[in-house]
N, C-alpha and C. Protein backbone atom coordinates (compact mmCIF):
# COMPACT_ATOMS: atom_id res chain seq x y z
N MET A 1 10.28 -13.46 37.90
CA MET A 1 9.98 -12.20 37.13
C MET A 1 8.50 -12.10 36.95
N SER A 2 8.00 -10.95 37.28
CA SER A 2 6.52 -10.80 37.10
C SER A 2 6.12 -10.57 35.57
N GLU A 3 4.93 -10.66 35.34
CA GLU A 3 4.45 -10.57 33.87
C GLU A 3 4.59 -9.12 33.43
N ASP A 4 4.47 -8.09 34.31
CA ASP A 4 4.60 -6.70 33.94
C ASP A 4 6.07 -6.30 33.61
N SER A 5 7.08 -6.95 34.36
CA SER A 5 8.42 -6.68 34.15
C SER A 5 8.91 -7.29 32.83
N ALA A 6 8.22 -8.42 32.32
CA ALA A 6 8.63 -9.09 31.13
C ALA A 6 8.16 -8.39 29.91
N ARG A 7 7.14 -7.50 30.05
CA ARG A 7 6.62 -6.77 28.92
C ARG A 7 7.55 -5.62 28.46
N PRO A 8 7.68 -5.61 27.07
CA PRO A 8 8.52 -4.46 26.58
C PRO A 8 7.91 -3.06 26.93
N PRO A 9 8.74 -2.05 26.98
CA PRO A 9 8.22 -0.72 27.31
C PRO A 9 7.15 -0.26 26.31
N SER A 10 7.16 -0.55 25.00
CA SER A 10 6.14 -0.01 24.19
C SER A 10 4.84 -0.75 24.39
N ALA A 11 4.78 -1.87 25.06
CA ALA A 11 3.61 -2.66 25.26
C ALA A 11 2.97 -2.40 26.70
N GLU A 12 3.53 -1.43 27.40
CA GLU A 12 2.99 -1.09 28.71
C GLU A 12 1.53 -0.61 28.60
N PRO A 13 0.75 -0.99 29.49
CA PRO A 13 -0.67 -0.46 29.39
C PRO A 13 -0.65 1.03 29.74
N ARG A 14 -1.52 1.77 29.01
CA ARG A 14 -1.55 3.27 29.17
C ARG A 14 -2.96 3.51 29.65
N GLY A 15 -3.15 4.67 30.24
CA GLY A 15 -4.45 5.08 30.73
C GLY A 15 -5.24 5.47 29.58
N PRO A 16 -6.53 5.85 29.77
CA PRO A 16 -7.38 6.35 28.63
C PRO A 16 -6.87 7.57 28.08
N VAL A 17 -6.96 7.72 26.79
CA VAL A 17 -6.60 8.93 26.00
C VAL A 17 -7.73 9.93 25.99
N VAL A 18 -8.90 9.34 25.64
CA VAL A 18 -10.10 10.18 25.53
C VAL A 18 -10.87 10.24 26.90
N THR A 19 -10.73 11.45 27.51
CA THR A 19 -11.28 11.68 28.83
C THR A 19 -12.36 12.73 28.90
N SER A 20 -12.59 13.36 27.70
CA SER A 20 -13.60 14.47 27.71
C SER A 20 -14.07 14.63 26.26
N PRO A 21 -15.18 15.38 26.08
CA PRO A 21 -15.76 15.57 24.80
C PRO A 21 -14.76 16.34 23.94
N GLU A 22 -13.99 17.20 24.47
CA GLU A 22 -13.13 18.09 23.68
C GLU A 22 -12.08 17.23 23.10
N ILE A 23 -11.45 16.22 23.91
CA ILE A 23 -10.41 15.35 23.43
C ILE A 23 -11.06 14.42 22.35
N ALA A 24 -12.25 14.04 22.61
CA ALA A 24 -12.92 13.09 21.64
C ALA A 24 -13.05 13.77 20.31
N GLU A 25 -13.49 15.02 20.33
CA GLU A 25 -13.69 15.83 19.06
C GLU A 25 -12.31 16.03 18.42
N LYS A 26 -11.27 16.39 19.21
CA LYS A 26 -9.90 16.57 18.58
C LYS A 26 -9.49 15.32 17.93
N LEU A 27 -9.63 14.12 18.56
CA LEU A 27 -9.12 12.94 17.87
C LEU A 27 -9.87 12.65 16.68
N ILE A 28 -11.22 12.74 16.76
CA ILE A 28 -11.92 12.56 15.53
C ILE A 28 -11.62 13.50 14.39
N ALA A 29 -11.39 14.76 14.68
CA ALA A 29 -10.96 15.77 13.72
C ALA A 29 -9.72 15.41 13.05
N LYS A 30 -8.62 15.06 13.97
CA LYS A 30 -7.27 14.65 13.45
C LYS A 30 -7.47 13.38 12.58
N LEU A 31 -8.25 12.46 13.03
CA LEU A 31 -8.33 11.30 12.10
C LEU A 31 -9.06 11.57 10.80
N ASP A 32 -10.01 12.44 10.89
CA ASP A 32 -10.78 12.81 9.71
C ASP A 32 -9.86 13.55 8.69
N SER A 33 -9.05 14.45 9.26
CA SER A 33 -8.02 15.21 8.44
C SER A 33 -7.04 14.23 7.85
N SER A 34 -6.51 13.32 8.66
CA SER A 34 -5.46 12.38 8.19
C SER A 34 -6.13 11.50 7.13
N MET A 35 -7.34 11.11 7.21
CA MET A 35 -8.03 10.31 6.25
C MET A 35 -8.14 11.05 4.94
N SER A 36 -8.58 12.36 5.03
CA SER A 36 -8.70 13.12 3.78
C SER A 36 -7.48 13.34 3.09
N GLU A 37 -6.38 13.66 3.86
CA GLU A 37 -5.10 13.87 3.15
C GLU A 37 -4.59 12.59 2.52
N LEU A 38 -4.68 11.44 3.17
CA LEU A 38 -4.30 10.14 2.57
C LEU A 38 -5.21 9.80 1.34
N LEU A 39 -6.47 10.06 1.50
CA LEU A 39 -7.34 9.73 0.44
C LEU A 39 -7.05 10.69 -0.86
N GLU A 40 -6.69 11.90 -0.61
CA GLU A 40 -6.24 12.69 -1.69
C GLU A 40 -5.05 12.21 -2.45
N LEU A 41 -4.03 11.76 -1.67
CA LEU A 41 -2.88 11.17 -2.27
C LEU A 41 -3.22 9.92 -3.04
N LEU A 42 -4.09 9.04 -2.41
CA LEU A 42 -4.45 7.81 -3.05
C LEU A 42 -5.21 8.08 -4.41
N ARG A 43 -6.07 8.98 -4.42
CA ARG A 43 -6.77 9.37 -5.67
C ARG A 43 -5.72 9.90 -6.72
N GLU A 44 -4.83 10.72 -6.29
CA GLU A 44 -3.80 11.22 -7.18
C GLU A 44 -2.94 10.07 -7.80
N GLU A 45 -2.51 9.20 -6.95
CA GLU A 45 -1.77 8.09 -7.33
C GLU A 45 -2.60 7.24 -8.37
N THR A 46 -3.84 6.84 -8.02
CA THR A 46 -4.63 5.99 -8.85
C THR A 46 -4.76 6.68 -10.27
N ALA A 47 -5.02 8.06 -10.37
CA ALA A 47 -5.18 8.75 -11.58
C ALA A 47 -3.89 8.69 -12.36
N LEU A 48 -2.69 8.89 -11.79
CA LEU A 48 -1.44 8.84 -12.38
C LEU A 48 -1.14 7.43 -12.99
N VAL A 49 -1.47 6.36 -12.18
CA VAL A 49 -1.19 5.00 -12.64
C VAL A 49 -2.17 4.70 -13.87
N LYS A 50 -3.44 5.11 -13.71
CA LYS A 50 -4.32 4.89 -14.84
C LYS A 50 -4.00 5.51 -16.09
N SER A 51 -3.29 6.68 -15.97
CA SER A 51 -2.95 7.45 -17.19
C SER A 51 -1.55 7.09 -17.74
N GLY A 52 -0.91 6.15 -16.96
CA GLY A 52 0.41 5.57 -17.38
C GLY A 52 1.58 6.48 -16.89
N HIS A 53 1.42 7.34 -15.99
CA HIS A 53 2.45 8.11 -15.35
C HIS A 53 3.06 7.47 -14.08
N LEU A 54 3.65 6.29 -14.36
CA LEU A 54 4.17 5.53 -13.21
C LEU A 54 5.18 6.15 -12.36
N LYS A 55 6.10 6.99 -13.11
CA LYS A 55 7.21 7.52 -12.41
C LYS A 55 6.62 8.59 -11.48
N ALA A 56 5.66 9.42 -12.01
CA ALA A 56 5.13 10.43 -11.19
C ALA A 56 4.38 9.85 -9.92
N ALA A 57 3.66 8.68 -10.26
CA ALA A 57 2.92 8.00 -9.18
C ALA A 57 3.95 7.43 -8.09
N ALA A 58 5.15 6.98 -8.58
CA ALA A 58 6.09 6.39 -7.57
C ALA A 58 6.71 7.62 -6.71
N GLU A 59 6.79 8.82 -7.26
CA GLU A 59 7.23 9.86 -6.45
C GLU A 59 6.37 10.18 -5.27
N LEU A 60 5.07 9.72 -5.37
CA LEU A 60 4.19 9.94 -4.12
C LEU A 60 4.42 9.02 -3.03
N THR A 61 5.30 8.00 -3.09
CA THR A 61 5.42 6.94 -2.28
C THR A 61 5.85 7.48 -0.79
N ALA A 62 6.76 8.30 -0.75
CA ALA A 62 7.28 8.81 0.61
C ALA A 62 6.11 9.54 1.31
N ALA A 63 5.50 10.46 0.63
CA ALA A 63 4.38 11.17 1.19
C ALA A 63 3.19 10.25 1.61
N LYS A 64 2.92 9.24 0.73
CA LYS A 64 1.90 8.35 1.03
C LYS A 64 2.19 7.50 2.33
N ASP A 65 3.47 7.07 2.39
CA ASP A 65 3.88 6.27 3.58
C ASP A 65 3.72 7.06 4.83
N GLU A 66 4.16 8.30 4.74
CA GLU A 66 4.03 9.27 5.93
C GLU A 66 2.64 9.39 6.34
N LYS A 67 1.68 9.73 5.41
CA LYS A 67 0.25 9.92 5.71
C LYS A 67 -0.33 8.59 6.20
N ALA A 68 0.02 7.45 5.63
CA ALA A 68 -0.59 6.18 5.96
C ALA A 68 -0.10 5.90 7.44
N THR A 69 1.12 6.20 7.78
CA THR A 69 1.63 5.86 9.09
C THR A 69 0.80 6.80 10.19
N LEU A 70 0.69 7.99 9.87
CA LEU A 70 -0.09 8.86 10.81
C LEU A 70 -1.57 8.32 10.98
N TYR A 71 -2.22 8.09 9.77
CA TYR A 71 -3.50 7.60 9.71
C TYR A 71 -3.64 6.23 10.56
N THR A 72 -2.73 5.37 10.40
CA THR A 72 -2.82 4.05 11.23
C THR A 72 -2.65 4.33 12.64
N ARG A 73 -1.75 5.19 13.01
CA ARG A 73 -1.57 5.48 14.51
C ARG A 73 -2.77 5.97 15.03
N LEU A 74 -3.40 6.98 14.42
CA LEU A 74 -4.68 7.63 14.88
C LEU A 74 -5.86 6.63 14.84
N MET A 75 -5.90 5.73 13.83
CA MET A 75 -6.93 4.70 13.83
C MET A 75 -6.87 3.69 14.97
N LEU A 76 -5.57 3.42 15.20
CA LEU A 76 -5.42 2.37 16.46
C LEU A 76 -5.81 3.05 17.74
N VAL A 77 -5.55 4.30 17.93
CA VAL A 77 -6.00 4.99 19.12
C VAL A 77 -7.42 5.07 19.21
N ALA A 78 -8.09 5.38 17.94
CA ALA A 78 -9.62 5.45 17.93
C ALA A 78 -10.22 4.12 18.20
N ARG A 79 -9.62 3.08 17.66
CA ARG A 79 -10.06 1.80 17.88
C ARG A 79 -10.02 1.32 19.37
N ASP A 80 -8.94 1.64 20.06
CA ASP A 80 -8.84 1.39 21.35
C ASP A 80 -9.70 2.26 22.33
N GLU A 81 -10.08 3.45 21.81
CA GLU A 81 -11.01 4.36 22.60
C GLU A 81 -12.39 4.53 22.03
N ILE A 82 -12.85 3.48 21.27
CA ILE A 82 -14.07 3.60 20.69
C ILE A 82 -15.27 3.86 21.65
N ALA A 83 -15.17 3.20 22.72
CA ALA A 83 -16.32 3.19 23.80
C ALA A 83 -16.33 4.71 24.25
N ALA A 84 -15.13 5.31 24.57
CA ALA A 84 -15.11 6.70 25.04
C ALA A 84 -15.57 7.62 23.81
N LEU A 85 -15.09 7.42 22.70
CA LEU A 85 -15.58 8.23 21.51
C LEU A 85 -17.04 8.26 21.32
N LYS A 86 -17.70 7.09 21.49
CA LYS A 86 -19.20 6.94 21.33
C LYS A 86 -19.83 7.64 22.56
N ALA A 87 -19.27 7.61 23.70
CA ALA A 87 -19.84 8.21 24.82
C ALA A 87 -19.77 9.81 24.76
N PHE A 88 -18.51 10.23 24.43
CA PHE A 88 -18.30 11.75 24.42
C PHE A 88 -18.78 12.40 23.15
N ALA A 89 -18.74 11.77 22.03
CA ALA A 89 -19.08 12.34 20.74
C ALA A 89 -19.74 11.44 19.81
N PRO A 90 -20.94 10.96 20.22
CA PRO A 90 -21.66 9.98 19.51
C PRO A 90 -21.99 10.20 18.03
N ASP A 91 -22.43 11.47 17.69
CA ASP A 91 -22.67 11.89 16.30
C ASP A 91 -21.43 11.93 15.48
N ALA A 92 -20.42 12.57 16.04
CA ALA A 92 -19.13 12.60 15.22
C ALA A 92 -18.53 11.29 15.05
N THR A 93 -18.60 10.35 16.00
CA THR A 93 -18.16 8.97 15.93
C THR A 93 -18.89 8.28 14.85
N ALA A 94 -20.17 8.31 14.92
CA ALA A 94 -20.99 7.69 13.83
C ALA A 94 -20.63 8.21 12.45
N ALA A 95 -20.50 9.43 12.27
CA ALA A 95 -20.07 10.07 10.97
C ALA A 95 -18.66 9.59 10.58
N LEU A 96 -17.78 9.41 11.53
CA LEU A 96 -16.44 9.03 11.21
C LEU A 96 -16.51 7.45 10.78
N VAL A 97 -17.29 6.56 11.44
CA VAL A 97 -17.41 5.26 11.08
C VAL A 97 -17.95 5.14 9.60
N LYS A 98 -18.94 5.89 9.29
CA LYS A 98 -19.40 5.94 7.82
C LYS A 98 -18.41 6.39 6.86
N ARG A 99 -17.72 7.45 7.24
CA ARG A 99 -16.66 7.99 6.36
C ARG A 99 -15.44 6.91 6.21
N HIS A 100 -15.21 6.24 7.26
CA HIS A 100 -14.16 5.17 7.11
C HIS A 100 -14.51 4.11 6.11
N GLU A 101 -15.83 3.82 6.17
CA GLU A 101 -16.32 2.74 5.13
C GLU A 101 -16.09 3.20 3.79
N LEU A 102 -16.34 4.39 3.50
CA LEU A 102 -16.02 4.99 2.15
C LEU A 102 -14.62 5.00 1.85
N PHE A 103 -13.92 5.44 2.88
CA PHE A 103 -12.45 5.44 2.68
C PHE A 103 -11.90 4.07 2.29
N ARG A 104 -12.30 3.01 3.01
CA ARG A 104 -11.98 1.67 2.71
C ARG A 104 -12.17 1.24 1.28
N SER A 105 -13.37 1.61 0.71
CA SER A 105 -13.72 1.33 -0.63
C SER A 105 -12.70 2.07 -1.59
N GLU A 106 -12.39 3.27 -1.25
CA GLU A 106 -11.42 4.06 -2.13
C GLU A 106 -9.94 3.37 -2.04
N VAL A 107 -9.58 2.86 -0.85
CA VAL A 107 -8.39 2.17 -0.73
C VAL A 107 -8.36 0.93 -1.58
N GLN A 108 -9.51 0.17 -1.65
CA GLN A 108 -9.60 -0.99 -2.41
C GLN A 108 -9.52 -0.74 -3.81
N ILE A 109 -10.08 0.37 -4.40
CA ILE A 109 -9.97 0.72 -5.73
C ILE A 109 -8.49 1.04 -6.07
N ASN A 110 -7.74 1.85 -5.21
CA ASN A 110 -6.39 2.12 -5.37
C ASN A 110 -5.56 0.81 -5.49
N LEU A 111 -5.81 -0.09 -4.52
CA LEU A 111 -5.03 -1.33 -4.54
C LEU A 111 -5.25 -2.19 -5.89
N ALA A 112 -6.50 -2.22 -6.38
CA ALA A 112 -6.82 -2.87 -7.56
C ALA A 112 -6.05 -2.29 -8.73
N VAL A 113 -6.05 -0.99 -8.74
CA VAL A 113 -5.32 -0.31 -9.87
C VAL A 113 -3.81 -0.56 -9.81
N LEU A 114 -3.25 -0.58 -8.62
CA LEU A 114 -1.85 -0.83 -8.53
C LEU A 114 -1.55 -2.33 -8.79
N ASP A 115 -2.42 -3.28 -8.39
CA ASP A 115 -2.25 -4.78 -8.77
C ASP A 115 -2.32 -4.84 -10.22
N THR A 116 -3.29 -4.23 -10.88
CA THR A 116 -3.32 -4.34 -12.36
C THR A 116 -2.07 -3.79 -12.99
N ALA A 117 -1.62 -2.70 -12.57
CA ALA A 117 -0.47 -2.16 -13.16
C ALA A 117 0.83 -3.09 -13.02
N ARG A 118 0.91 -3.56 -11.81
CA ARG A 118 1.96 -4.56 -11.52
C ARG A 118 1.93 -5.83 -12.46
N ASP A 119 0.68 -6.29 -12.54
CA ASP A 119 0.46 -7.53 -13.41
C ASP A 119 0.78 -7.24 -14.87
N VAL A 120 0.40 -6.04 -15.39
CA VAL A 120 0.66 -5.70 -16.78
C VAL A 120 2.17 -5.56 -16.92
N ALA A 121 2.90 -4.93 -15.97
CA ALA A 121 4.36 -4.75 -16.05
C ALA A 121 5.06 -6.03 -16.09
N GLU A 122 4.71 -6.89 -15.06
CA GLU A 122 5.26 -8.25 -15.11
C GLU A 122 5.04 -9.06 -16.44
N GLY A 123 3.86 -8.97 -16.88
CA GLY A 123 3.52 -9.63 -18.19
C GLY A 123 4.45 -9.06 -19.32
N LEU A 124 4.66 -7.74 -19.41
CA LEU A 124 5.53 -7.22 -20.34
C LEU A 124 6.95 -7.63 -20.22
N MET A 125 7.36 -7.66 -18.98
CA MET A 125 8.78 -8.06 -18.72
C MET A 125 8.88 -9.53 -19.07
N ARG A 126 7.97 -10.41 -18.81
CA ARG A 126 8.08 -11.72 -19.12
C ARG A 126 8.02 -11.89 -20.63
N THR A 127 7.22 -11.18 -21.34
CA THR A 127 7.22 -11.20 -22.81
C THR A 127 8.52 -10.72 -23.36
N VAL A 128 9.09 -9.69 -22.85
CA VAL A 128 10.37 -9.17 -23.38
C VAL A 128 11.48 -10.25 -23.20
N ALA A 129 11.51 -10.78 -22.00
CA ALA A 129 12.54 -11.76 -21.62
C ALA A 129 12.46 -12.97 -22.55
N ILE A 130 11.25 -13.47 -22.87
CA ILE A 130 11.05 -14.63 -23.72
C ILE A 130 11.58 -14.24 -25.06
N GLU A 131 11.22 -13.03 -25.59
CA GLU A 131 11.64 -12.62 -26.92
C GLU A 131 13.19 -12.47 -26.96
N VAL A 132 13.70 -11.81 -25.97
CA VAL A 132 15.19 -11.74 -25.91
C VAL A 132 15.81 -13.04 -25.98
N GLY A 133 15.31 -14.13 -25.20
CA GLY A 133 15.90 -15.31 -25.17
C GLY A 133 15.71 -16.10 -26.55
N ARG A 134 14.58 -15.88 -27.21
CA ARG A 134 14.36 -16.40 -28.52
C ARG A 134 15.25 -15.89 -29.55
N ALA A 135 15.69 -14.61 -29.44
CA ALA A 135 16.51 -13.97 -30.35
C ALA A 135 17.92 -14.57 -30.24
N THR A 136 18.32 -14.98 -29.12
CA THR A 136 19.64 -15.55 -28.90
C THR A 136 19.74 -17.01 -29.06
N LEU A 137 18.63 -17.71 -29.22
CA LEU A 137 18.59 -19.17 -29.47
C LEU A 137 19.03 -19.62 -30.81
N PRO A 138 20.00 -20.46 -30.95
CA PRO A 138 20.43 -20.87 -32.27
C PRO A 138 19.33 -21.54 -33.00
N GLN A 139 19.26 -21.26 -34.30
CA GLN A 139 18.18 -21.73 -35.13
C GLN A 139 18.63 -23.15 -35.81
N THR A 140 19.66 -23.68 -35.37
CA THR A 140 20.19 -25.01 -35.93
C THR A 140 19.98 -25.99 -34.95
N TYR A 141 20.20 -27.33 -35.45
CA TYR A 141 20.09 -28.51 -34.66
C TYR A 141 21.49 -28.74 -33.87
N GLY A 142 21.32 -29.33 -32.72
CA GLY A 142 22.47 -29.68 -31.96
C GLY A 142 23.11 -30.94 -32.41
N ARG A 143 24.09 -31.37 -31.66
CA ARG A 143 24.97 -32.53 -32.13
C ARG A 143 24.03 -33.79 -32.20
N PRO A 144 23.17 -34.11 -31.34
CA PRO A 144 22.44 -35.43 -31.49
C PRO A 144 21.19 -35.19 -32.42
N GLY A 145 21.14 -34.15 -33.25
CA GLY A 145 20.02 -33.88 -34.21
C GLY A 145 18.78 -33.34 -33.53
N VAL A 146 19.00 -32.74 -32.38
CA VAL A 146 17.80 -32.20 -31.64
C VAL A 146 18.07 -30.70 -31.46
N ARG A 147 17.06 -29.94 -31.43
CA ARG A 147 17.15 -28.47 -31.26
C ARG A 147 17.64 -28.28 -29.75
N PRO A 148 18.43 -27.28 -29.51
CA PRO A 148 18.96 -27.03 -28.17
C PRO A 148 17.64 -26.65 -27.29
N ASN A 149 17.79 -26.93 -26.05
CA ASN A 149 16.70 -26.70 -25.02
C ASN A 149 16.70 -25.09 -24.85
N PRO A 150 15.55 -24.38 -25.20
CA PRO A 150 15.55 -23.00 -25.02
C PRO A 150 15.81 -22.53 -23.57
N ASN A 151 15.37 -23.23 -22.56
CA ASN A 151 15.51 -22.88 -21.18
C ASN A 151 17.02 -22.86 -20.79
N ALA A 152 17.84 -23.73 -21.38
CA ALA A 152 19.30 -23.97 -20.95
C ALA A 152 20.09 -22.87 -21.60
N SER A 153 19.80 -22.68 -22.89
CA SER A 153 20.72 -21.81 -23.67
C SER A 153 20.25 -20.31 -23.61
N SER A 154 18.91 -19.99 -23.51
CA SER A 154 18.62 -18.73 -23.59
C SER A 154 18.11 -18.01 -22.26
N ALA A 155 18.43 -18.74 -21.20
CA ALA A 155 17.98 -18.20 -19.90
C ALA A 155 18.93 -17.12 -19.51
N GLN A 156 18.79 -15.88 -20.07
CA GLN A 156 19.55 -14.80 -19.71
C GLN A 156 18.72 -13.72 -19.10
N GLY A 157 19.23 -12.98 -18.20
CA GLY A 157 18.48 -11.85 -17.65
C GLY A 157 18.38 -10.63 -18.50
N ILE A 158 17.48 -9.80 -18.22
CA ILE A 158 17.38 -8.54 -18.87
C ILE A 158 17.58 -7.37 -17.94
N ALA A 159 18.04 -6.34 -18.39
CA ALA A 159 18.32 -5.13 -17.47
C ALA A 159 17.27 -4.04 -17.76
N ILE A 160 16.93 -3.34 -16.76
CA ILE A 160 16.03 -2.26 -16.92
C ILE A 160 16.72 -0.99 -16.43
N ASN A 161 16.61 0.06 -17.25
CA ASN A 161 17.18 1.32 -16.85
C ASN A 161 16.04 2.15 -16.30
N ARG A 162 15.96 2.29 -14.94
CA ARG A 162 14.85 3.06 -14.37
C ARG A 162 15.17 4.51 -14.23
N ASN A 163 16.24 5.00 -14.81
CA ASN A 163 16.65 6.40 -14.85
C ASN A 163 16.05 7.16 -15.99
N ILE A 164 15.38 6.45 -16.83
CA ILE A 164 14.70 7.05 -17.97
C ILE A 164 13.45 7.74 -17.64
């Protein structure tokens, strides 16, 4: 069996995508547009999370996933075709690279905000679970004259109603 026949269909080598200045400009324009749309969603999500509107931020997930998928596909094509992009549209490619660096910093801010929100939520849940467990812990001594182990008797789960 040859190496080419063992390769899955999606991994087959393809010819160059960028073969003219027009195609280079179109790819750069699509990538720039995709980056702008995704960045707009990320900024909106960041603002909603910072203001405590987590449900509204969660509603952006499907649109964000769709935009991120398109952006990733275009970015992978651009990465594979970077030599052709630089040859056919050097100024536009240089501008795109600079814009991408700014985009990456915005993504880092969004991720930091989301991580902080997740950490705060986990801390709150942990505190609530401890308090619920403490409330159900007997305040008397057990049979051998020792207080019951809080982990054994109060390890109960808590439920969250996400429909609120």
